[in-house]
Amino acid sequence: MDTHLKALLVGCGSISRVWVTPAHDIPNFELVGFVDINVEAAQKRAEQYGKPDVYVGSDLEAALAQTLPDIVFDCTFPSARTRIVLTALAHDCHVFSEKPMAESMEDARKMIDAAEQAGKLYAVMQNRRYDTNINSVKLLVDSGTLGALTVVNSDFYLGAHFGGSREQLPHVLLHDMAIHTFDAARFLSGANAVSVYCKEWNPRGSWYSRDAAAVAVFELNNGAVYTYRGSWCAEGLLTTWESDWRLVGQKGTVKWDGAQDIQAQVVEKTEALVSTFANVPIPAEASTWGEGHSAAIRDFIDCVRTGRTPQTICTDNIKSLAMVFAAIRSAEAGCEVKVEW
């Protein structure tokens, strides 16, 4: 029988809803408390969980002392991330947090050091890694059918009318959303970025007060080049939230629309100016854990039980975060910069 595990949910805003739902169906696992600076929000999550009498409060230290959890789920704002994670680790808890990992590389390194010293798992929610379609693309790339990758391109174009303070944030696209796409690029390519040149701007007619569009060119350590193009204020012919992708190998190419349309071709004959091509069947593999947030949470809990390393462990995820901050540094400096973690 699996070891019974207890988790404390910290940060009870809108994103926490998708963390609470899977908890009902995971064997020998329970949420033992909800913490938020807004106690009413914490109470609302407790009611969603179906246990309105479970621990609810606004003081993390008190909640940890009273509930003695094995795991802390951190769904707070990024500005609170470092304090929450360090506190949880100091109380001998494993931690699974929302993205982004930190508001600075310095804070990210602090949390990695603390997790290693505590001997606890600290991983970051990158729910797109648990998408069936992205895993089909990765299976194809990893099979070698396309040959070594030479180019990876992604396009992200959405007209997102959030309203409120989000539309006033600096680097709103790069800091708030690009982490998903950058992490997906690392996942699909199996490579890490070593340098980047990024141009950031605010398109004419934008409803954002700061730069809401960007183009970035990354050099990867496998010799390929990854290009990112994106905008939060693009109206019409929208991409999916997962972006539109093209991965070019030495022997062929795969295109993915971020949803279910995946197409691939490889060279069949090279006897003329342009080769002839053969369509490639797209591999499929049933997910062990399901999809999205639910799958990531189930996988993390299994890692705690078995000692496996989560694929989004902090020591790996910092390499995706480093791409974000390097792109921002490049945009501010107007030149190519190294990606360092």
Protein backbone atom coordinates (compact mmCIF):
# COMPACT_ATOMS: atom_id res chain seq x y z
CA MET A 1 0.00 0.00 0.00
CA ASP A 2 1.26 3.49 -0.83
CA THR A 3 2.48 5.65 2.03
CA HIS A 4 -0.18 8.08 3.19
CA LEU A 5 0.88 11.63 2.32
CA LYS A 6 -0.45 14.97 3.50
CA ALA A 7 -0.18 18.29 1.65
CA LEU A 8 -0.77 21.92 2.57
CA LEU A 9 -1.98 24.25 -0.19
CA VAL A 10 -0.56 27.78 0.08
CA GLY A 11 -2.04 30.46 -2.16
CA CYS A 12 -5.73 29.99 -2.88
CA GLY A 13 -6.26 32.21 -5.93
CA SER A 14 -7.77 31.12 -9.24
CA ILE A 15 -4.93 28.82 -10.36
CA SER A 16 -5.24 26.76 -7.18
CA ARG A 17 -8.57 25.37 -8.38
CA VAL A 18 -6.79 22.96 -10.73
CA TRP A 19 -4.51 21.82 -7.91
CA VAL A 20 -7.42 20.95 -5.63
CA THR A 21 -9.46 18.89 -8.11
CA PRO A 22 -6.98 15.98 -8.57
CA ALA A 23 -6.53 15.55 -4.83
CA HIS A 24 -9.87 13.75 -4.50
CA ASP A 25 -8.79 10.84 -6.68
CA ILE A 26 -5.21 10.19 -5.52
CA PRO A 27 -5.06 7.15 -3.20
CA ASN A 28 -3.65 7.65 0.29
CA PHE A 29 -3.27 11.38 -0.20
CA GLU A 30 -5.07 14.32 1.36
CA LEU A 31 -4.99 18.08 1.58
CA VAL A 32 -4.82 18.90 5.28
CA GLY A 33 -4.95 22.70 5.10
CA PHE A 34 -5.35 25.84 3.02
CA VAL A 35 -3.39 29.05 3.56
CA ASP A 36 -3.91 32.47 2.01
CA ILE A 37 -3.54 36.08 3.12
CA ASN A 38 -7.23 36.26 2.24
CA VAL A 39 -8.78 33.73 4.62
CA GLU A 40 -12.05 33.77 2.67
CA ALA A 41 -10.17 32.49 -0.40
CA ALA A 42 -8.65 29.70 1.69
CA GLN A 43 -12.08 28.78 3.03
CA LYS A 44 -13.46 28.69 -0.52
CA ARG A 45 -10.79 26.15 -1.54
CA ALA A 46 -11.52 24.03 1.53
CA GLU A 47 -15.17 23.95 0.51
CA GLN A 48 -14.21 23.03 -3.06
CA TYR A 49 -12.19 20.16 -1.62
CA GLY A 50 -15.30 19.04 0.24
CA LYS A 51 -13.85 19.52 3.73
CA PRO A 52 -14.95 22.93 4.98
CA ASP A 53 -13.76 22.06 8.50
CA VAL A 54 -10.15 21.35 7.44
CA TYR A 55 -7.41 23.76 8.61
CA VAL A 56 -7.80 27.26 7.13
CA GLY A 57 -5.60 30.24 7.94
CA SER A 58 -3.31 33.03 6.80
CA ASP A 59 -0.14 32.17 8.76
CA LEU A 60 2.12 29.65 7.02
CA GLU A 61 4.29 28.92 10.06
CA ALA A 62 1.23 28.19 12.19
CA ALA A 63 -0.29 26.01 9.47
CA LEU A 64 2.88 23.96 9.12
CA ALA A 65 3.15 23.46 12.86
CA GLN A 66 -0.45 22.37 13.21
CA THR A 67 -0.94 20.19 10.12
CA LEU A 68 2.58 18.68 9.80
CA PRO A 69 2.36 18.10 6.02
CA ASP A 70 4.75 16.01 3.94
CA ILE A 71 4.31 18.32 0.93
CA VAL A 72 3.60 22.00 0.34
CA PHE A 73 1.80 23.04 -2.83
CA ASP A 74 2.84 26.62 -3.55
CA CYS A 75 0.32 28.51 -5.70
CA THR A 76 1.24 31.99 -4.49
CA PHE A 77 2.28 35.01 -6.56
CA PRO A 78 5.90 34.87 -7.77
CA SER A 79 6.78 37.72 -5.39
CA ALA A 80 6.07 35.39 -2.46
CA ARG A 81 7.67 32.29 -3.98
CA THR A 82 11.08 32.39 -2.32
CA ARG A 83 9.72 32.97 1.19
CA ILE A 84 7.12 30.21 0.86
CA VAL A 85 9.52 27.63 -0.58
CA LEU A 86 12.32 28.34 1.91
CA THR A 87 9.87 28.17 4.83
CA ALA A 88 8.40 24.88 3.62
CA LEU A 89 11.82 23.31 3.11
CA ALA A 90 12.91 24.46 6.56
CA HIS A 91 9.92 22.52 7.95
CA ASP A 92 11.10 19.32 6.24
CA CYS A 93 8.51 19.42 3.44
CA HIS A 94 8.81 18.56 -0.22
CA VAL A 95 7.60 21.45 -2.40
CA PHE A 96 5.77 21.65 -5.71
CA SER A 97 5.22 25.22 -6.87
CA GLU A 98 3.56 27.09 -9.68
CA LYS A 99 5.68 28.73 -12.36
CA PRO A 100 7.76 30.79 -12.64
CA MET A 101 10.30 29.35 -10.25
CA ALA A 102 11.46 32.76 -9.01
CA GLU A 103 11.57 36.48 -9.73
CA SER A 104 15.36 36.39 -10.05
CA MET A 105 18.12 33.90 -10.74
CA GLU A 106 19.59 34.69 -7.32
CA ASP A 107 16.36 33.61 -5.60
CA ALA A 108 16.18 30.48 -7.75
CA ARG A 109 19.67 29.46 -6.70
CA LYS A 110 18.82 30.07 -3.04
CA MET A 111 15.88 27.69 -3.27
CA ILE A 112 17.91 25.03 -5.07
CA ASP A 113 20.58 25.22 -2.34
CA ALA A 114 17.93 24.98 0.38
CA ALA A 115 16.29 21.94 -1.24
CA GLU A 116 19.63 20.16 -1.56
CA GLN A 117 20.53 20.91 2.05
CA ALA A 118 17.14 19.71 3.25
CA GLY A 119 17.27 16.57 1.12
CA LYS A 120 13.78 17.32 -0.20
CA LEU A 121 12.24 17.49 -3.66
CA TYR A 122 11.47 20.92 -5.03
CA ALA A 123 9.85 20.93 -8.48
CA VAL A 124 8.03 23.49 -10.61
CA MET A 125 4.70 23.13 -12.39
CA GLN A 126 5.27 22.90 -16.14
CA ASN A 127 1.93 21.31 -16.99
CA ARG A 128 2.50 21.40 -20.75
CA ARG A 129 5.10 18.65 -20.46
CA TYR A 130 2.20 16.33 -19.67
CA ASP A 131 0.31 17.11 -22.89
CA THR A 132 -0.22 14.02 -25.05
CA ASN A 133 0.53 15.88 -28.28
CA ILE A 134 3.83 17.42 -27.20
CA ASN A 135 4.93 13.99 -26.04
CA SER A 136 4.09 12.55 -29.47
CA VAL A 137 6.30 15.20 -31.08
CA LYS A 138 9.07 14.45 -28.61
CA LEU A 139 8.86 10.72 -29.31
CA LEU A 140 9.31 11.43 -33.01
CA VAL A 141 12.28 13.75 -32.44
CA ASP A 142 13.92 11.34 -30.01
CA SER A 143 13.47 8.41 -32.41
CA GLY A 144 16.06 9.91 -34.75
CA THR A 145 13.69 9.72 -37.73
CA LEU A 146 14.23 13.40 -38.53
CA GLY A 147 17.96 13.28 -37.92
CA ALA A 148 19.78 15.77 -35.75
CA LEU A 149 17.80 18.98 -35.19
CA THR A 150 19.04 22.12 -36.94
CA VAL A 151 16.18 24.57 -36.38
CA VAL A 152 13.39 24.87 -33.80
CA ASN A 153 10.75 27.57 -34.34
CA SER A 154 7.76 28.54 -32.21
CA ASP A 155 5.06 31.18 -32.76
CA PHE A 156 2.78 32.42 -29.98
CA TYR A 157 0.12 34.94 -31.03
CA LEU A 158 -2.86 35.68 -28.81
CA GLY A 159 -4.91 38.80 -28.17
CA ALA A 160 -5.27 38.45 -24.41
CA HIS A 161 -7.44 41.12 -22.77
CA PHE A 162 -6.67 40.47 -19.12
CA GLY A 163 -7.51 43.91 -17.81
CA GLY A 164 -6.23 45.19 -14.49
CA SER A 165 -2.66 45.31 -13.24
CA ARG A 166 -1.42 42.52 -15.49
CA GLU A 167 -1.58 44.85 -18.48
CA GLN A 168 0.77 47.27 -16.69
CA LEU A 169 3.58 44.78 -16.01
CA PRO A 170 7.03 45.19 -17.56
CA HIS A 171 8.15 42.36 -19.85
CA VAL A 172 4.63 40.97 -19.56
CA LEU A 173 5.01 38.41 -22.36
CA LEU A 174 8.53 37.24 -21.57
CA HIS A 175 8.17 37.13 -17.80
CA ASP A 176 4.59 35.95 -17.54
CA MET A 177 4.10 33.50 -20.41
CA ALA A 178 7.28 32.69 -22.34
CA ILE A 179 8.52 30.33 -19.62
CA HIS A 180 6.02 27.76 -20.91
CA THR A 181 7.25 28.00 -24.50
CA PHE A 182 10.93 28.14 -23.56
CA ASP A 183 10.54 25.07 -21.36
CA ALA A 184 8.74 23.28 -24.19
CA ALA A 185 11.61 24.14 -26.55
CA ARG A 186 14.11 22.58 -24.13
CA PHE A 187 11.85 19.55 -23.69
CA LEU A 188 11.37 18.95 -27.42
CA SER A 189 14.96 19.62 -28.47
CA GLY A 190 16.64 17.89 -25.53
CA ALA A 191 19.01 20.86 -25.45
CA ASN A 192 19.81 23.93 -23.36
CA ALA A 193 20.25 27.51 -24.50
CA VAL A 194 23.71 29.07 -24.40
CA SER A 195 23.03 32.55 -25.80
CA VAL A 196 20.15 34.78 -26.96
CA TYR A 197 19.42 37.96 -28.87
CA CYS A 198 15.98 39.37 -28.10
CA LYS A 199 13.99 42.33 -29.45
CA GLU A 200 11.04 43.44 -27.34
CA TRP A 201 8.46 46.11 -28.23
CA ASN A 202 4.88 47.28 -27.72
CA PRO A 203 2.92 46.99 -30.99
CA ARG A 204 0.93 49.94 -32.31
CA GLY A 205 -2.58 49.87 -30.86
CA SER A 206 -1.54 47.72 -27.92
CA TRP A 207 -3.74 47.82 -24.82
CA TYR A 208 -0.69 47.00 -22.70
CA SER A 209 1.31 49.85 -21.14
CA ARG A 210 4.66 48.06 -21.59
CA ASP A 211 6.28 45.81 -24.19
CA ALA A 212 3.89 42.97 -25.06
CA ALA A 213 5.66 41.41 -28.06
CA ALA A 214 9.07 39.86 -28.56
CA VAL A 215 11.29 37.99 -30.98
CA ALA A 216 14.21 35.95 -29.59
CA VAL A 217 16.91 33.88 -31.25
CA PHE A 218 18.59 31.30 -29.01
CA GLU A 219 21.69 29.25 -29.76
CA LEU A 220 21.33 25.76 -28.31
CA ASN A 221 24.12 23.54 -27.03
CA ASN A 222 23.33 20.84 -29.60
CA GLY A 223 24.17 23.20 -32.47
CA ALA A 224 20.56 24.03 -33.35
CA VAL A 225 19.02 27.50 -33.33
CA TYR A 226 15.68 28.14 -31.59
CA THR A 227 13.56 31.14 -32.59
CA TYR A 228 10.66 32.47 -30.53
CA ARG A 229 8.11 34.93 -31.90
CA GLY A 230 5.23 36.07 -29.75
CA SER A 231 2.67 38.72 -28.88
CA TRP A 232 0.00 39.16 -26.24
CA CYS A 233 -1.88 41.66 -28.42
CA ALA A 234 -2.27 39.86 -31.76
CA GLU A 235 -5.85 39.86 -33.02
CA GLY A 236 -7.04 37.22 -35.50
CA LEU A 237 -5.72 33.84 -36.66
CA LEU A 238 -4.61 33.03 -33.13
CA THR A 239 -2.22 30.25 -32.28
CA THR A 240 -2.98 27.83 -29.48
CA TRP A 241 -1.71 28.60 -25.98
CA GLU A 242 0.90 25.91 -26.63
CA SER A 243 2.26 27.83 -29.68
CA ASP A 244 2.72 26.74 -33.29
CA TRP A 245 5.90 24.71 -33.87
CA ARG A 246 8.28 23.61 -36.63
CA LEU A 247 11.28 21.40 -35.84
CA VAL A 248 13.69 20.82 -38.71
CA GLY A 249 16.13 17.91 -38.72
CA GLN A 250 18.81 16.86 -41.17
CA LYS A 251 16.50 14.26 -42.71
CA GLY A 252 13.03 15.77 -42.25
CA THR A 253 10.64 18.14 -40.48
CA VAL A 254 7.73 17.98 -38.04
CA LYS A 255 5.04 20.66 -37.72
CA TRP A 256 2.72 20.90 -34.73
CA ASP A 257 -0.07 23.44 -34.23
CA GLY A 258 0.01 23.09 -30.44
CA ALA A 259 -3.18 21.03 -30.52
CA GLN A 260 -3.83 17.74 -32.33
CA ASP A 261 -2.49 18.54 -35.81
CA ILE A 262 0.99 17.00 -36.10
CA GLN A 263 2.54 16.43 -39.53
CA ALA A 264 5.99 15.08 -40.40
CA GLN A 265 7.93 14.29 -43.55
CA VAL A 266 11.37 12.84 -44.26
CA VAL A 267 13.44 12.78 -47.41
CA GLU A 268 12.51 9.91 -49.73
CA LYS A 269 14.73 10.76 -52.74
CA THR A 270 17.20 13.52 -53.56
CA GLU A 271 17.51 13.44 -57.34
CA ALA A 272 16.41 16.93 -58.33
CA LEU A 273 16.55 20.55 -57.17
CA VAL A 274 14.04 19.74 -54.43
CA SER A 275 13.83 16.34 -52.75
CA THR A 276 10.73 14.18 -52.69
CA PHE A 277 9.33 13.31 -49.30
CA ALA A 278 7.44 10.61 -47.48
CA ASN A 279 4.91 11.26 -44.75
CA VAL A 280 5.88 9.89 -41.35
CA PRO A 281 3.38 8.30 -38.96
CA ILE A 282 3.17 10.15 -35.67
CA PRO A 283 3.96 7.98 -32.63
CA ALA A 284 1.57 7.96 -29.73
CA GLU A 285 2.05 6.82 -26.18
CA ALA A 286 -0.63 6.69 -23.53
CA SER A 287 0.19 8.97 -20.61
CA THR A 288 0.85 7.23 -17.32
CA TRP A 289 -0.50 10.12 -15.31
CA GLY A 290 -3.11 11.80 -17.52
CA GLU A 291 -2.94 15.39 -18.74
CA GLY A 292 -1.93 18.83 -17.50
CA HIS A 293 -1.87 19.91 -13.88
CA SER A 294 -3.50 16.71 -12.69
CA ALA A 295 -0.83 14.55 -14.33
CA ALA A 296 2.01 16.70 -13.02
CA ILE A 297 0.65 16.51 -9.47
CA ARG A 298 0.18 12.74 -9.62
CA ASP A 299 3.70 12.30 -10.98
CA PHE A 300 5.19 14.51 -8.26
CA ILE A 301 3.43 12.58 -5.51
CA ASP A 302 4.70 9.31 -6.98
CA CYS A 303 8.22 10.77 -7.02
CA VAL A 304 7.93 11.57 -3.31
CA ARG A 305 6.84 7.99 -2.63
CA THR A 306 9.37 6.23 -4.84
CA GLY A 307 12.39 8.52 -4.72
CA ARG A 308 12.25 9.20 -8.49
CA THR A 309 13.34 12.64 -9.69
CA PRO A 310 10.54 14.82 -11.15
CA GLN A 311 11.21 15.90 -14.73
CA THR A 312 10.63 19.51 -13.64
CA ILE A 313 12.95 19.34 -10.64
CA CYS A 314 14.33 22.74 -9.65
CA THR A 315 17.83 21.96 -10.88
CA ASP A 316 16.41 21.42 -14.38
CA ASN A 317 13.72 24.08 -14.41
CA ILE A 318 16.21 26.83 -13.61
CA LYS A 319 17.57 26.29 -17.14
CA SER A 320 14.20 27.33 -18.58
CA LEU A 321 13.97 30.27 -16.18
CA ALA A 322 17.46 31.35 -17.25
CA MET A 323 16.18 31.69 -20.82
CA VAL A 324 13.53 34.15 -19.63
CA PHE A 325 15.92 36.38 -17.74
CA ALA A 326 18.55 36.22 -20.47
CA ALA A 327 15.96 37.28 -23.06
CA ILE A 328 14.95 40.20 -20.85
CA ARG A 329 18.59 41.22 -20.34
CA SER A 330 19.18 41.07 -24.08
CA ALA A 331 16.10 43.16 -24.84
CA GLU A 332 17.16 45.78 -22.31
CA ALA A 333 20.78 45.85 -23.50
CA GLY A 334 20.06 45.58 -27.22
CA CYS A 335 22.71 42.89 -27.75
CA GLU A 336 23.28 39.15 -27.55
CA VAL A 337 23.88 37.78 -24.05
CA LYS A 338 24.85 34.45 -22.55
CA VAL A 339 22.26 32.23 -20.90
CA GLU A 340 23.60 31.38 -17.46
CA TRP A 341 22.23 29.44 -14.53
